[in-house]
């Protein structure tokens, strides 16, 4: 299981993408492709979870990184930048960079 854990040393990037429900499956496929071919190769990446809203209107990306510098490097990587227009064509998004402040598992 890829649990979200409380680790104040790690940096967590949360992206909330708002999409038309008819575009959600295409968006998830595009994000999966990006994760598998770009994100996983970047220095400082630890994990990524995709959460697809049941109503199709949102996809949430929760990624763990070594530190804020690794997030910045990812955002300016030319391979990543090539994905941004493709993602923006399917969804509007907002981002938050922080640390998990509390997590509890059953």
N, C-alpha and C. Protein backbone atom coordinates (compact mmCIF):
# COMPACT_ATOMS: atom_id res chain seq x y z
N UNK A 1 0.84 -1.18 0.00
CA UNK A 1 0.00 0.00 0.00
C UNK A 1 0.88 1.24 0.00
N UNK A 2 0.51 2.24 -0.79
CA UNK A 2 1.25 3.48 -0.87
C UNK A 2 0.54 4.51 0.01
N UNK A 3 0.77 4.44 1.30
CA UNK A 3 0.09 5.29 2.27
C UNK A 3 0.66 6.69 2.28
N UNK A 4 -0.19 7.66 2.56
CA UNK A 4 0.25 9.03 2.78
C UNK A 4 0.61 9.12 4.26
N UNK A 5 1.88 9.43 4.53
CA UNK A 5 2.35 9.44 5.91
C UNK A 5 2.80 10.84 6.31
N UNK A 6 2.81 11.07 7.60
CA UNK A 6 3.25 12.34 8.15
C UNK A 6 4.78 12.32 8.20
N UNK A 7 5.41 13.14 7.37
CA UNK A 7 6.86 13.22 7.29
C UNK A 7 7.21 14.67 7.02
N UNK A 8 7.52 15.41 8.07
CA UNK A 8 7.76 16.84 7.91
C UNK A 8 9.02 17.14 7.11
N UNK A 9 9.89 16.15 6.93
CA UNK A 9 11.10 16.37 6.13
C UNK A 9 10.80 16.32 4.63
N UNK A 10 9.78 15.60 4.25
CA UNK A 10 9.42 15.48 2.83
C UNK A 10 8.57 16.66 2.40
N UNK A 11 8.55 16.91 1.10
CA UNK A 11 7.71 17.95 0.52
C UNK A 11 6.58 17.28 -0.24
N UNK A 12 5.37 17.72 0.02
CA UNK A 12 4.19 17.17 -0.65
C UNK A 12 3.63 18.22 -1.60
N UNK A 13 3.40 17.80 -2.84
CA UNK A 13 2.79 18.65 -3.84
C UNK A 13 1.40 18.10 -4.12
N UNK A 14 0.39 18.95 -3.95
CA UNK A 14 -0.99 18.56 -4.23
C UNK A 14 -1.50 19.43 -5.37
N UNK A 15 -1.95 18.77 -6.44
CA UNK A 15 -2.56 19.47 -7.57
C UNK A 15 -4.02 19.04 -7.65
N UNK A 16 -4.90 20.01 -7.73
CA UNK A 16 -6.32 19.73 -7.91
C UNK A 16 -6.68 20.18 -9.32
N UNK A 17 -7.04 19.22 -10.15
CA UNK A 17 -7.39 19.48 -11.54
C UNK A 17 -8.90 19.39 -11.69
N UNK A 18 -9.50 20.41 -12.25
CA UNK A 18 -10.93 20.45 -12.49
C UNK A 18 -11.16 20.22 -13.98
N UNK A 19 -11.97 19.21 -14.30
CA UNK A 19 -12.17 18.85 -15.71
C UNK A 19 -13.64 18.57 -16.00
N UNK A 20 -13.95 18.53 -17.28
CA UNK A 20 -15.26 18.08 -17.71
C UNK A 20 -15.29 16.57 -17.46
N UNK A 21 -16.37 16.05 -16.92
CA UNK A 21 -16.42 14.61 -16.66
C UNK A 21 -16.13 13.74 -17.89
N UNK A 22 -16.43 14.24 -19.08
CA UNK A 22 -16.14 13.46 -20.29
C UNK A 22 -14.65 13.39 -20.58
N UNK A 23 -13.86 14.26 -19.95
CA UNK A 23 -12.41 14.29 -20.17
C UNK A 23 -11.61 13.59 -19.08
N UNK A 24 -12.27 13.17 -18.00
CA UNK A 24 -11.51 12.64 -16.86
C UNK A 24 -10.67 11.42 -17.22
N UNK A 25 -11.21 10.45 -17.93
CA UNK A 25 -10.46 9.24 -18.26
C UNK A 25 -9.24 9.57 -19.12
N UNK A 26 -9.40 10.47 -20.08
CA UNK A 26 -8.28 10.89 -20.92
C UNK A 26 -7.23 11.60 -20.09
N UNK A 27 -7.68 12.44 -19.17
CA UNK A 27 -6.77 13.16 -18.28
C UNK A 27 -5.98 12.19 -17.39
N UNK A 28 -6.66 11.22 -16.81
CA UNK A 28 -5.98 10.23 -15.96
C UNK A 28 -4.96 9.45 -16.78
N UNK A 29 -5.31 9.06 -17.99
CA UNK A 29 -4.37 8.34 -18.86
C UNK A 29 -3.14 9.20 -19.16
N UNK A 30 -3.35 10.48 -19.46
CA UNK A 30 -2.25 11.39 -19.74
C UNK A 30 -1.35 11.54 -18.51
N UNK A 31 -1.97 11.71 -17.34
CA UNK A 31 -1.19 11.85 -16.11
C UNK A 31 -0.40 10.58 -15.81
N UNK A 32 -1.02 9.42 -16.01
CA UNK A 32 -0.31 8.14 -15.81
C UNK A 32 0.90 8.04 -16.72
N UNK A 33 0.71 8.40 -17.97
CA UNK A 33 1.81 8.37 -18.94
C UNK A 33 2.94 9.29 -18.48
N UNK A 34 2.58 10.49 -18.04
CA UNK A 34 3.57 11.45 -17.56
C UNK A 34 4.31 10.92 -16.33
N UNK A 35 3.58 10.32 -15.41
CA UNK A 35 4.20 9.76 -14.21
C UNK A 35 5.18 8.66 -14.59
N UNK A 36 4.74 7.76 -15.47
CA UNK A 36 5.56 6.60 -15.83
C UNK A 36 6.78 6.95 -16.68
N UNK A 37 6.70 8.00 -17.49
CA UNK A 37 7.80 8.30 -18.40
C UNK A 37 8.67 9.48 -17.97
N UNK A 38 8.13 10.39 -17.16
CA UNK A 38 8.90 11.58 -16.78
C UNK A 38 9.09 11.65 -15.26
N UNK A 39 8.00 11.74 -14.53
CA UNK A 39 8.07 11.99 -13.09
C UNK A 39 8.96 10.97 -12.37
N UNK A 40 8.78 9.69 -12.67
CA UNK A 40 9.53 8.65 -11.97
C UNK A 40 11.03 8.71 -12.25
N UNK A 41 11.44 9.43 -13.28
CA UNK A 41 12.87 9.53 -13.62
C UNK A 41 13.54 10.73 -12.96
N UNK A 42 12.78 11.59 -12.32
CA UNK A 42 13.32 12.83 -11.79
C UNK A 42 13.92 12.65 -10.40
N UNK A 43 15.04 13.32 -10.18
CA UNK A 43 15.72 13.28 -8.89
C UNK A 43 14.83 13.90 -7.81
N UNK A 44 14.69 13.19 -6.72
CA UNK A 44 13.93 13.70 -5.59
C UNK A 44 12.49 13.24 -5.52
N UNK A 45 12.02 12.55 -6.57
CA UNK A 45 10.64 12.04 -6.56
C UNK A 45 10.56 10.80 -5.67
N UNK A 46 9.49 10.71 -4.88
CA UNK A 46 9.29 9.57 -3.98
C UNK A 46 8.04 8.77 -4.35
N UNK A 47 6.90 9.44 -4.53
CA UNK A 47 5.66 8.73 -4.83
C UNK A 47 4.63 9.69 -5.42
N UNK A 48 3.66 9.10 -6.13
CA UNK A 48 2.54 9.88 -6.67
C UNK A 48 1.28 9.04 -6.57
N UNK A 49 0.20 9.68 -6.12
CA UNK A 49 -1.13 9.06 -6.07
C UNK A 49 -2.08 9.93 -6.89
N UNK A 50 -2.92 9.28 -7.68
CA UNK A 50 -3.98 9.97 -8.41
C UNK A 50 -5.32 9.61 -7.77
N UNK A 51 -6.13 10.61 -7.52
CA UNK A 51 -7.47 10.39 -6.98
C UNK A 51 -8.46 10.97 -7.98
N UNK A 52 -9.29 10.10 -8.55
CA UNK A 52 -10.29 10.52 -9.52
C UNK A 52 -11.65 10.65 -8.83
N UNK A 53 -12.24 11.83 -8.93
CA UNK A 53 -13.56 12.06 -8.32
C UNK A 53 -14.58 11.14 -8.98
N UNK A 54 -15.44 10.57 -8.19
CA UNK A 54 -16.46 9.65 -8.72
C UNK A 54 -17.40 10.33 -9.72
N UNK A 55 -17.60 11.65 -9.55
CA UNK A 55 -18.49 12.34 -10.50
C UNK A 55 -17.76 12.79 -11.76
N UNK A 56 -16.44 12.53 -11.86
CA UNK A 56 -15.67 12.85 -13.04
C UNK A 56 -15.17 14.27 -13.15
N UNK A 57 -15.48 15.11 -12.18
CA UNK A 57 -15.18 16.53 -12.28
C UNK A 57 -13.79 16.95 -11.82
N UNK A 58 -13.09 16.06 -11.14
CA UNK A 58 -11.76 16.42 -10.61
C UNK A 58 -10.82 15.22 -10.63
N UNK A 59 -9.53 15.54 -10.69
CA UNK A 59 -8.47 14.58 -10.44
C UNK A 59 -7.51 15.28 -9.49
N UNK A 60 -7.15 14.60 -8.42
CA UNK A 60 -6.21 15.15 -7.45
C UNK A 60 -4.92 14.34 -7.56
N UNK A 61 -3.81 15.07 -7.66
CA UNK A 61 -2.49 14.45 -7.72
C UNK A 61 -1.78 14.76 -6.40
N UNK A 62 -1.36 13.72 -5.70
CA UNK A 62 -0.62 13.90 -4.45
C UNK A 62 0.76 13.28 -4.67
N UNK A 63 1.79 14.13 -4.71
CA UNK A 63 3.15 13.66 -4.97
C UNK A 63 4.06 14.01 -3.80
N UNK A 64 4.94 13.08 -3.47
CA UNK A 64 5.94 13.31 -2.42
C UNK A 64 7.29 13.52 -3.10
N UNK A 65 8.02 14.51 -2.60
CA UNK A 65 9.33 14.88 -3.12
C UNK A 65 10.30 15.05 -1.97
N UNK A 66 11.56 14.93 -2.27
CA UNK A 66 12.60 15.07 -1.24
C UNK A 66 12.56 16.45 -0.58
N UNK A 67 12.39 17.50 -1.40
CA UNK A 67 12.43 18.87 -0.87
C UNK A 67 11.82 19.83 -1.90
N UNK A 68 11.62 21.08 -1.53
CA UNK A 68 11.04 22.05 -2.48
C UNK A 68 11.88 22.23 -3.74
N UNK A 69 13.20 22.11 -3.64
CA UNK A 69 14.06 22.25 -4.82
C UNK A 69 13.76 21.17 -5.85
N UNK A 70 13.45 19.96 -5.40
CA UNK A 70 13.10 18.87 -6.33
C UNK A 70 11.80 19.18 -7.05
N UNK A 71 10.84 19.79 -6.34
CA UNK A 71 9.57 20.20 -6.97
C UNK A 71 9.85 21.26 -8.03
N UNK A 72 10.65 22.25 -7.69
CA UNK A 72 10.99 23.31 -8.65
C UNK A 72 11.70 22.76 -9.87
N UNK A 73 12.62 21.83 -9.66
CA UNK A 73 13.34 21.21 -10.78
C UNK A 73 12.37 20.45 -11.68
N UNK A 74 11.41 19.75 -11.09
CA UNK A 74 10.41 19.03 -11.87
C UNK A 74 9.61 20.01 -12.72
N UNK A 75 9.19 21.11 -12.13
CA UNK A 75 8.33 22.06 -12.82
C UNK A 75 9.03 22.74 -13.99
N UNK A 76 10.35 22.79 -13.97
CA UNK A 76 11.10 23.44 -15.05
C UNK A 76 11.78 22.44 -15.98
N UNK A 77 11.63 21.15 -15.72
CA UNK A 77 12.20 20.13 -16.60
C UNK A 77 11.53 20.23 -17.97
N UNK A 78 12.29 20.28 -19.07
CA UNK A 78 11.69 20.42 -20.40
C UNK A 78 10.70 19.32 -20.75
N UNK A 79 10.94 18.09 -20.29
CA UNK A 79 10.00 17.00 -20.57
C UNK A 79 8.69 17.23 -19.85
N UNK A 80 8.76 17.76 -18.63
CA UNK A 80 7.55 18.06 -17.87
C UNK A 80 6.81 19.24 -18.50
N UNK A 81 7.58 20.24 -18.88
CA UNK A 81 6.96 21.43 -19.48
C UNK A 81 6.21 21.08 -20.77
N UNK A 82 6.64 20.04 -21.47
CA UNK A 82 5.95 19.61 -22.69
C UNK A 82 4.56 19.04 -22.37
N UNK A 83 4.37 18.54 -21.15
CA UNK A 83 3.07 18.01 -20.75
C UNK A 83 2.08 19.09 -20.31
N UNK A 84 2.58 20.21 -19.81
CA UNK A 84 1.69 21.23 -19.26
C UNK A 84 0.60 21.67 -20.23
N UNK A 85 0.89 21.97 -21.51
CA UNK A 85 -0.20 22.38 -22.42
C UNK A 85 -1.23 21.27 -22.65
N UNK A 86 -0.77 20.03 -22.68
CA UNK A 86 -1.69 18.90 -22.87
C UNK A 86 -2.64 18.78 -21.67
N UNK A 87 -2.09 18.96 -20.48
CA UNK A 87 -2.90 18.89 -19.26
C UNK A 87 -3.86 20.08 -19.21
N UNK A 88 -3.33 21.27 -19.52
CA UNK A 88 -4.15 22.49 -19.48
C UNK A 88 -5.29 22.44 -20.49
N UNK A 89 -5.13 21.69 -21.58
CA UNK A 89 -6.20 21.56 -22.57
C UNK A 89 -7.38 20.74 -22.02
N UNK A 90 -7.12 19.94 -20.98
CA UNK A 90 -8.16 19.08 -20.42
C UNK A 90 -8.69 19.56 -19.07
N UNK A 91 -7.91 20.40 -18.37
CA UNK A 91 -8.31 20.75 -17.01
C UNK A 91 -7.69 22.07 -16.56
N UNK A 92 -8.37 22.73 -15.65
CA UNK A 92 -7.81 23.86 -14.92
C UNK A 92 -7.21 23.28 -13.65
N UNK A 93 -6.11 23.88 -13.15
CA UNK A 93 -5.54 23.29 -11.95
C UNK A 93 -5.00 24.33 -10.99
N UNK A 94 -4.91 23.91 -9.74
CA UNK A 94 -4.37 24.71 -8.65
C UNK A 94 -3.41 23.82 -7.89
N UNK A 95 -2.34 24.39 -7.35
CA UNK A 95 -1.31 23.62 -6.67
C UNK A 95 -1.04 24.15 -5.27
N UNK A 96 -0.65 23.23 -4.39
CA UNK A 96 -0.21 23.57 -3.04
C UNK A 96 1.04 22.75 -2.76
N UNK A 97 2.09 23.42 -2.27
CA UNK A 97 3.31 22.74 -1.86
C UNK A 97 3.41 22.88 -0.35
N UNK A 98 3.59 21.76 0.34
CA UNK A 98 3.69 21.81 1.80
C UNK A 98 4.21 20.51 2.36
N UNK A 99 3.86 20.25 3.59
CA UNK A 99 4.24 19.00 4.26
C UNK A 99 2.98 18.41 4.89
N UNK A 100 2.90 17.10 4.91
CA UNK A 100 1.76 16.45 5.55
C UNK A 100 1.82 16.79 7.04
N UNK A 101 0.79 17.44 7.54
CA UNK A 101 0.76 17.87 8.94
C UNK A 101 0.18 16.81 9.87
N UNK A 102 -0.65 15.92 9.32
CA UNK A 102 -1.25 14.86 10.13
C UNK A 102 -1.73 13.74 9.21
N UNK A 103 -1.49 12.53 9.59
CA UNK A 103 -2.00 11.37 8.85
C UNK A 103 -2.30 10.27 9.85
N UNK A 104 -3.35 9.53 9.59
CA UNK A 104 -3.73 8.44 10.47
C UNK A 104 -4.17 7.27 9.61
N UNK A 105 -3.74 6.10 9.93
CA UNK A 105 -4.08 4.89 9.18
C UNK A 105 -4.88 3.94 10.07
N UNK A 106 -5.73 3.17 9.46
CA UNK A 106 -6.50 2.15 10.21
C UNK A 106 -5.64 0.92 10.39
